[in-house]
Amino acid sequence: IRLLVLLALFHMALAHARYSMMLGIVGAILLADPLRIALSERTPLESPARPAILAMAGLASAMLASAALRAAYPIQRFDEPGAAALAAIPASLADKPVFNTYSFGGILIFNGIRPLVDSRADFYGDAYLDQYARTIDGDPATVDSLFAKYRVAWTMLDPGDPLVASMDRRKGWHRIYADRYAVIHVGPNAAARLAQSVAAADP
């Protein structure tokens, strides 16, 4: 049963990266007792050989060294769709509420920005996702309602989203970035602050 559960968790981790932490936590629990039995020193026959102990100690040391190295040099994603768009966002805008395309939720979270929606659809509920779908389709009344409710200051959209054309026509909103992966618009207040910061930085 332990092996079947471990294999299922391994499959989930390969299919969806967010389950990798579950594999690490639950997998360690599942393997704890079998490893205890395998490494038990109750009888000489069950005692692990010295080379095996050294190999396990070396593996543990390598894992600790890898973890320390990753902590010292965190991953920086430059090749993921949307990474270049986020790099163009000033810090003064990044902490303001954003309306984003569903697929950009992960990269926003990875960069410390709170998305309005992400791939954890089961957390949001049908009503919220229905409102999101109508917003991304550019329904004017829904856009007005959602933007006012969440005080949306900027948007990060896929170029193919119908909302992109609506944002291009929306009064007071300005497109500040576009590539083949993402289009970014800023609202009236954010655009004014952005212009002021650019003017202040220009000698």
C-alpha atoms as a PDB file:
ATOM      1  CA  ILE A   1       0.000   0.000   0.000  1.00  0.00           C
ATOM      2  CA  ARG A   2       2.859   2.361   0.854  1.00  0.00           C
ATOM      3  CA  LEU A   3       4.461   1.712  -2.523  1.00  0.00           C
ATOM      4  CA  LEU A   4       1.206   2.349  -4.391  1.00  0.00           C
ATOM      5  CA  VAL A   5       0.639   5.633  -2.553  1.00  0.00           C
ATOM      6  CA  LEU A   6       4.258   6.648  -3.181  1.00  0.00           C
ATOM      7  CA  LEU A   7       3.921   5.873  -6.895  1.00  0.00           C
ATOM      8  CA  ALA A   8       0.670   7.852  -7.082  1.00  0.00           C
ATOM      9  CA  LEU A   9       2.326  10.845  -5.417  1.00  0.00           C
ATOM     10  CA  PHE A  10       5.295  10.541  -7.759  1.00  0.00           C
ATOM     11  CA  HIS A  11       2.969  10.554 -10.760  1.00  0.00           C
ATOM     12  CA  MET A  12       1.128  13.619  -9.417  1.00  0.00           C
ATOM     13  CA  ALA A  13       4.426  15.445  -8.898  1.00  0.00           C
ATOM     14  CA  LEU A  14       5.481  14.718 -12.484  1.00  0.00           C
ATOM     15  CA  ALA A  15       2.093  15.785 -13.858  1.00  0.00           C
ATOM     16  CA  HIS A  16       1.772  18.948 -11.739  1.00  0.00           C
ATOM     17  CA  ALA A  17       4.861  20.511 -10.160  1.00  0.00           C
ATOM     18  CA  ARG A  18       2.896  21.898  -7.220  1.00  0.00           C
ATOM     19  CA  TYR A  19       2.502  18.364  -5.839  1.00  0.00           C
ATOM     20  CA  SER A  20       6.258  17.905  -5.470  1.00  0.00           C
ATOM     21  CA  MET A  21       6.176  19.275  -1.917  1.00  0.00           C
ATOM     22  CA  MET A  22       3.441  16.778  -1.038  1.00  0.00           C
ATOM     23  CA  LEU A  23       5.629  13.997  -2.415  1.00  0.00           C
ATOM     24  CA  GLY A  24       8.545  15.197  -0.283  1.00  0.00           C
ATOM     25  CA  ILE A  25       6.516  15.444   2.924  1.00  0.00           C
ATOM     26  CA  VAL A  26       4.190  12.441   2.638  1.00  0.00           C
ATOM     27  CA  GLY A  27       6.857  10.326   0.943  1.00  0.00           C
ATOM     28  CA  ALA A  28       9.206  10.833   3.870  1.00  0.00           C
ATOM     29  CA  ILE A  29       6.466   9.710   6.263  1.00  0.00           C
ATOM     30  CA  LEU A  30       5.677   6.662   4.148  1.00  0.00           C
ATOM     31  CA  LEU A  31       9.339   5.634   3.980  1.00  0.00           C
ATOM     32  CA  ALA A  32      10.188   6.355   7.617  1.00  0.00           C
ATOM     33  CA  ASP A  33       9.119   3.013   9.053  1.00  0.00           C
ATOM     34  CA  PRO A  34      10.518   0.815   6.236  1.00  0.00           C
ATOM     35  CA  LEU A  35      13.820   2.660   6.512  1.00  0.00           C
ATOM     36  CA  ARG A  36      13.810   2.217  10.293  1.00  0.00           C
ATOM     37  CA  ILE A  37      13.339  -1.508   9.870  1.00  0.00           C
ATOM     38  CA  ALA A  38      15.984  -1.710   7.148  1.00  0.00           C
ATOM     39  CA  LEU A  39      18.522   0.189   9.236  1.00  0.00           C
ATOM     40  CA  SER A  40      17.632  -1.397  12.560  1.00  0.00           C
ATOM     41  CA  GLU A  41      20.467  -2.825  14.605  1.00  0.00           C
ATOM     42  CA  ARG A  42      18.347  -5.302  16.558  1.00  0.00           C
ATOM     43  CA  THR A  43      20.445  -8.237  15.295  1.00  0.00           C
ATOM     44  CA  PRO A  44      23.845  -8.408  13.597  1.00  0.00           C
ATOM     45  CA  LEU A  45      22.204  -9.706  10.423  1.00  0.00           C
ATOM     46  CA  GLU A  46      20.036  -6.607  10.191  1.00  0.00           C
ATOM     47  CA  SER A  47      22.834  -4.145  10.874  1.00  0.00           C
ATOM     48  CA  PRO A  48      23.748  -2.082   7.809  1.00  0.00           C
ATOM     49  CA  ALA A  49      27.215  -2.605   6.427  1.00  0.00           C
ATOM     50  CA  ARG A  50      29.780   0.144   6.987  1.00  0.00           C
ATOM     51  CA  PRO A  51      29.976   1.063   3.251  1.00  0.00           C
ATOM     52  CA  ALA A  52      26.209   1.475   3.197  1.00  0.00           C
ATOM     53  CA  ILE A  53      26.343   3.798   6.216  1.00  0.00           C
ATOM     54  CA  LEU A  54      29.088   5.862   4.607  1.00  0.00           C
ATOM     55  CA  ALA A  55      27.143   6.042   1.347  1.00  0.00           C
ATOM     56  CA  MET A  56      24.012   7.246   3.160  1.00  0.00           C
ATOM     57  CA  ALA A  57      26.003   9.809   5.120  1.00  0.00           C
ATOM     58  CA  GLY A  58      27.562  11.060   1.897  1.00  0.00           C
ATOM     59  CA  LEU A  59      24.147  11.289   0.224  1.00  0.00           C
ATOM     60  CA  ALA A  60      22.727  13.214   3.172  1.00  0.00           C
ATOM     61  CA  SER A  61      25.688  15.613   3.104  1.00  0.00           C
ATOM     62  CA  ALA A  62      25.260  16.157  -0.640  1.00  0.00           C
ATOM     63  CA  MET A  63      21.552  16.895  -0.166  1.00  0.00           C
ATOM     64  CA  LEU A  64      22.283  19.403   2.597  1.00  0.00           C
ATOM     65  CA  ALA A  65      24.961  21.068   0.464  1.00  0.00           C
ATOM     66  CA  SER A  66      22.567  21.289  -2.503  1.00  0.00           C
ATOM     67  CA  ALA A  67      19.855  22.810  -0.323  1.00  0.00           C
ATOM     68  CA  ALA A  68      22.284  25.385   1.090  1.00  0.00           C
ATOM     69  CA  LEU A  69      23.503  26.246  -2.418  1.00  0.00           C
ATOM     70  CA  ARG A  70      19.956  26.728  -3.705  1.00  0.00           C
ATOM     71  CA  ALA A  71      19.101  28.916  -0.707  1.00  0.00           C
ATOM     72  CA  ALA A  72      22.178  31.071  -1.367  1.00  0.00           C
ATOM     73  CA  TYR A  73      21.484  31.301  -5.115  1.00  0.00           C
ATOM     74  CA  PRO A  74      17.719  31.172  -5.698  1.00  0.00           C
ATOM     75  CA  ILE A  75      16.269  30.267  -9.083  1.00  0.00           C
ATOM     76  CA  GLN A  76      15.716  33.199 -11.432  1.00  0.00           C
ATOM     77  CA  ARG A  77      13.328  32.518 -14.275  1.00  0.00           C
ATOM     78  CA  PHE A  78      14.136  34.526 -17.388  1.00  0.00           C
ATOM     79  CA  ASP A  79      12.854  32.166 -20.069  1.00  0.00           C
ATOM     80  CA  GLU A  80       9.300  31.624 -18.794  1.00  0.00           C
ATOM     81  CA  PRO A  81       6.476  33.379 -20.692  1.00  0.00           C
ATOM     82  CA  GLY A  82       5.749  36.609 -18.833  1.00  0.00           C
ATOM     83  CA  ALA A  83       9.198  36.910 -17.225  1.00  0.00           C
ATOM     84  CA  ALA A  84      10.288  39.761 -19.492  1.00  0.00           C
ATOM     85  CA  ALA A  85       6.996  41.564 -18.882  1.00  0.00           C
ATOM     86  CA  LEU A  86       7.431  41.335 -15.111  1.00  0.00           C
ATOM     87  CA  ALA A  87      10.996  42.592 -15.403  1.00  0.00           C
ATOM     88  CA  ALA A  88       9.578  45.765 -16.986  1.00  0.00           C
ATOM     89  CA  ILE A  89       7.246  46.403 -14.026  1.00  0.00           C
ATOM     90  CA  PRO A  90       8.552  49.059 -11.601  1.00  0.00           C
ATOM     91  CA  ALA A  91       8.566  48.237  -7.913  1.00  0.00           C
ATOM     92  CA  SER A  92       6.020  50.988  -7.258  1.00  0.00           C
ATOM     93  CA  LEU A  93       3.504  49.119  -9.380  1.00  0.00           C
ATOM     94  CA  ALA A  94       4.272  45.532  -8.386  1.00  0.00           C
ATOM     95  CA  ASP A  95       2.665  45.855  -4.963  1.00  0.00           C
ATOM     96  CA  LYS A  96      -0.628  47.216  -6.369  1.00  0.00           C
ATOM     97  CA  PRO A  97      -3.608  44.930  -7.127  1.00  0.00           C
ATOM     98  CA  VAL A  98      -3.326  43.235 -10.518  1.00  0.00           C
ATOM     99  CA  PHE A  99      -5.845  41.514 -12.756  1.00  0.00           C
ATOM    100  CA  ASN A 100      -4.056  38.696 -14.534  1.00  0.00           C
ATOM    101  CA  THR A 101      -4.670  35.992 -17.062  1.00  0.00           C
ATOM    102  CA  TYR A 102      -5.136  32.628 -15.362  1.00  0.00           C
ATOM    103  CA  SER A 103      -1.862  31.196 -16.701  1.00  0.00           C
ATOM    104  CA  PHE A 104       0.251  34.003 -15.210  1.00  0.00           C
ATOM    105  CA  GLY A 105      -0.738  33.166 -11.631  1.00  0.00           C
ATOM    106  CA  GLY A 106       2.292  30.965 -11.005  1.00  0.00           C
ATOM    107  CA  ILE A 107       4.950  33.396 -12.197  1.00  0.00           C
ATOM    108  CA  LEU A 108       3.310  36.255 -10.287  1.00  0.00           C
ATOM    109  CA  ILE A 109       3.358  34.244  -7.063  1.00  0.00           C
ATOM    110  CA  PHE A 110       6.955  33.175  -7.752  1.00  0.00           C
ATOM    111  CA  ASN A 111       7.917  36.867  -7.955  1.00  0.00           C
ATOM    112  CA  GLY A 112       6.072  37.839  -4.773  1.00  0.00           C
ATOM    113  CA  ILE A 113       3.064  39.437  -6.497  1.00  0.00           C
ATOM    114  CA  ARG A 114      -0.456  38.499  -5.432  1.00  0.00           C
ATOM    115  CA  PRO A 115      -2.486  37.389  -8.470  1.00  0.00           C
ATOM    116  CA  LEU A 116      -6.224  37.797  -8.731  1.00  0.00           C
ATOM    117  CA  VAL A 117      -6.496  34.210  -9.973  1.00  0.00           C
ATOM    118  CA  ASP A 118      -4.153  31.261 -10.473  1.00  0.00           C
ATOM    119  CA  SER A 119      -4.282  27.585 -11.350  1.00  0.00           C
ATOM    120  CA  ARG A 120      -5.702  26.518  -7.969  1.00  0.00           C
ATOM    121  CA  ALA A 121      -9.209  26.734  -9.411  1.00  0.00           C
ATOM    122  CA  ASP A 122     -10.800  24.652  -6.643  1.00  0.00           C
ATOM    123  CA  PHE A 123      -9.941  27.364  -4.099  1.00  0.00           C
ATOM    124  CA  TYR A 124     -11.899  30.098  -5.860  1.00  0.00           C
ATOM    125  CA  GLY A 125     -15.302  28.582  -6.481  1.00  0.00           C
ATOM    126  CA  ASP A 126     -17.583  28.593  -9.510  1.00  0.00           C
ATOM    127  CA  ALA A 127     -19.041  32.061  -8.953  1.00  0.00           C
ATOM    128  CA  TYR A 128     -15.633  33.728  -8.796  1.00  0.00           C
ATOM    129  CA  LEU A 129     -14.340  31.849 -11.845  1.00  0.00           C
ATOM    130  CA  ASP A 130     -17.489  32.755 -13.786  1.00  0.00           C
ATOM    131  CA  GLN A 131     -16.869  36.439 -12.996  1.00  0.00           C
ATOM    132  CA  TYR A 132     -13.259  36.026 -14.066  1.00  0.00           C
ATOM    133  CA  ALA A 133     -14.311  34.421 -17.371  1.00  0.00           C
ATOM    134  CA  ARG A 134     -16.725  37.268 -18.133  1.00  0.00           C
ATOM    135  CA  THR A 135     -14.022  39.803 -17.273  1.00  0.00           C
ATOM    136  CA  ILE A 136     -11.383  38.193 -19.473  1.00  0.00           C
ATOM    137  CA  ASP A 137     -13.981  38.185 -22.280  1.00  0.00           C
ATOM    138  CA  GLY A 138     -14.215  41.964 -21.922  1.00  0.00           C
ATOM    139  CA  ASP A 139     -17.780  42.280 -20.640  1.00  0.00           C
ATOM    140  CA  PRO A 140     -17.908  46.020 -19.735  1.00  0.00           C
ATOM    141  CA  ALA A 141     -20.213  45.743 -16.719  1.00  0.00           C
ATOM    142  CA  THR A 142     -18.244  42.859 -15.221  1.00  0.00           C
ATOM    143  CA  VAL A 143     -14.923  44.599 -15.852  1.00  0.00           C
ATOM    144  CA  ASP A 144     -16.171  47.759 -14.113  1.00  0.00           C
ATOM    145  CA  SER A 145     -17.529  45.777 -11.165  1.00  0.00           C
ATOM    146  CA  LEU A 146     -14.470  43.575 -10.638  1.00  0.00           C
ATOM    147  CA  PHE A 147     -11.934  46.376 -11.116  1.00  0.00           C
ATOM    148  CA  ALA A 148     -13.786  48.572  -8.624  1.00  0.00           C
ATOM    149  CA  LYS A 149     -14.201  45.762  -6.092  1.00  0.00           C
ATOM    150  CA  TYR A 150     -10.534  44.780  -6.073  1.00  0.00           C
ATOM    151  CA  ARG A 151      -9.121  48.246  -6.874  1.00  0.00           C
ATOM    152  CA  VAL A 152      -7.206  46.863  -9.846  1.00  0.00           C
ATOM    153  CA  ALA A 153      -4.273  49.148 -10.699  1.00  0.00           C
ATOM    154  CA  TRP A 154      -2.749  47.166 -13.580  1.00  0.00           C
ATOM    155  CA  THR A 155      -3.364  44.152 -15.749  1.00  0.00           C
ATOM    156  CA  MET A 156      -1.183  41.367 -17.098  1.00  0.00           C
ATOM    157  CA  LEU A 157      -2.945  39.633 -19.979  1.00  0.00           C
ATOM    158  CA  ASP A 158      -2.261  37.166 -22.729  1.00  0.00           C
ATOM    159  CA  PRO A 159      -2.201  38.942 -26.136  1.00  0.00           C
ATOM    160  CA  GLY A 160      -5.033  36.683 -27.302  1.00  0.00           C
ATOM    161  CA  ASP A 161      -7.405  37.646 -24.470  1.00  0.00           C
ATOM    162  CA  PRO A 162     -10.461  39.639 -25.647  1.00  0.00           C
ATOM    163  CA  LEU A 163      -9.938  41.950 -22.664  1.00  0.00           C
ATOM    164  CA  VAL A 164      -6.739  43.327 -24.250  1.00  0.00           C
ATOM    165  CA  ALA A 165      -8.697  45.236 -26.918  1.00  0.00           C
ATOM    166  CA  SER A 166     -11.101  46.528 -24.259  1.00  0.00           C
ATOM    167  CA  MET A 167      -8.198  47.778 -22.141  1.00  0.00           C
ATOM    168  CA  ASP A 168      -6.706  49.567 -25.166  1.00  0.00           C
ATOM    169  CA  ARG A 169      -9.959  51.535 -25.452  1.00  0.00           C
ATOM    170  CA  ARG A 170     -10.612  51.962 -21.734  1.00  0.00           C
ATOM    171  CA  LYS A 171     -10.470  55.587 -20.648  1.00  0.00           C
ATOM    172  CA  GLY A 172      -7.471  56.463 -18.496  1.00  0.00           C
ATOM    173  CA  TRP A 173      -5.711  53.138 -19.074  1.00  0.00           C
ATOM    174  CA  HIS A 174      -2.440  52.850 -20.952  1.00  0.00           C
ATOM    175  CA  ARG A 175      -0.521  49.964 -22.468  1.00  0.00           C
ATOM    176  CA  ILE A 176       3.048  50.111 -21.136  1.00  0.00           C
ATOM    177  CA  TYR A 177       4.407  46.768 -22.306  1.00  0.00           C
ATOM    178  CA  ALA A 178       3.644  44.130 -24.924  1.00  0.00           C
ATOM    179  CA  ASP A 179       5.399  41.096 -26.380  1.00  0.00           C
ATOM    180  CA  ARG A 180       4.223  37.781 -27.787  1.00  0.00           C
ATOM    181  CA  TYR A 181       3.534  36.434 -24.305  1.00  0.00           C
ATOM    182  CA  ALA A 182       2.048  39.289 -22.276  1.00  0.00           C
ATOM    183  CA  VAL A 183       0.433  42.707 -22.474  1.00  0.00           C
ATOM    184  CA  ILE A 184       0.482  45.071 -19.491  1.00  0.00           C
ATOM    185  CA  HIS A 185      -1.864  48.008 -18.950  1.00  0.00           C
ATOM    186  CA  VAL A 186      -1.841  50.478 -16.065  1.00  0.00           C
ATOM    187  CA  GLY A 187      -4.764  52.425 -14.663  1.00  0.00           C
ATOM    188  CA  PRO A 188      -5.087  56.215 -14.357  1.00  0.00           C
ATOM    189  CA  ASN A 189      -3.589  56.561 -10.878  1.00  0.00           C
ATOM    190  CA  ALA A 190      -0.786  54.088 -11.553  1.00  0.00           C
ATOM    191  CA  ALA A 191       0.007  55.739 -14.886  1.00  0.00           C
ATOM    192  CA  ALA A 192       0.311  59.153 -13.209  1.00  0.00           C
ATOM    193  CA  ARG A 193       2.646  57.807 -10.521  1.00  0.00           C
ATOM    194  CA  LEU A 194       4.659  55.977 -13.140  1.00  0.00           C
ATOM    195  CA  ALA A 195       5.056  59.153 -15.195  1.00  0.00           C
ATOM    196  CA  GLN A 196       6.158  61.082 -12.100  1.00  0.00           C
ATOM    197  CA  SER A 197       8.767  58.477 -11.218  1.00  0.00           C
ATOM    198  CA  VAL A 198      10.131  58.489 -14.761  1.00  0.00           C
ATOM    199  CA  ALA A 199      10.275  62.280 -14.756  1.00  0.00           C
ATOM    200  CA  ALA A 200      12.046  62.298 -11.398  1.00  0.00           C
ATOM    201  CA  ALA A 201      14.604  59.785 -12.609  1.00  0.00           C
ATOM    202  CA  ASP A 202      15.281  61.734 -15.826  1.00  0.00           C
ATOM    203  CA  PRO A 203      18.126  64.248 -15.184  1.00  0.00           C
END
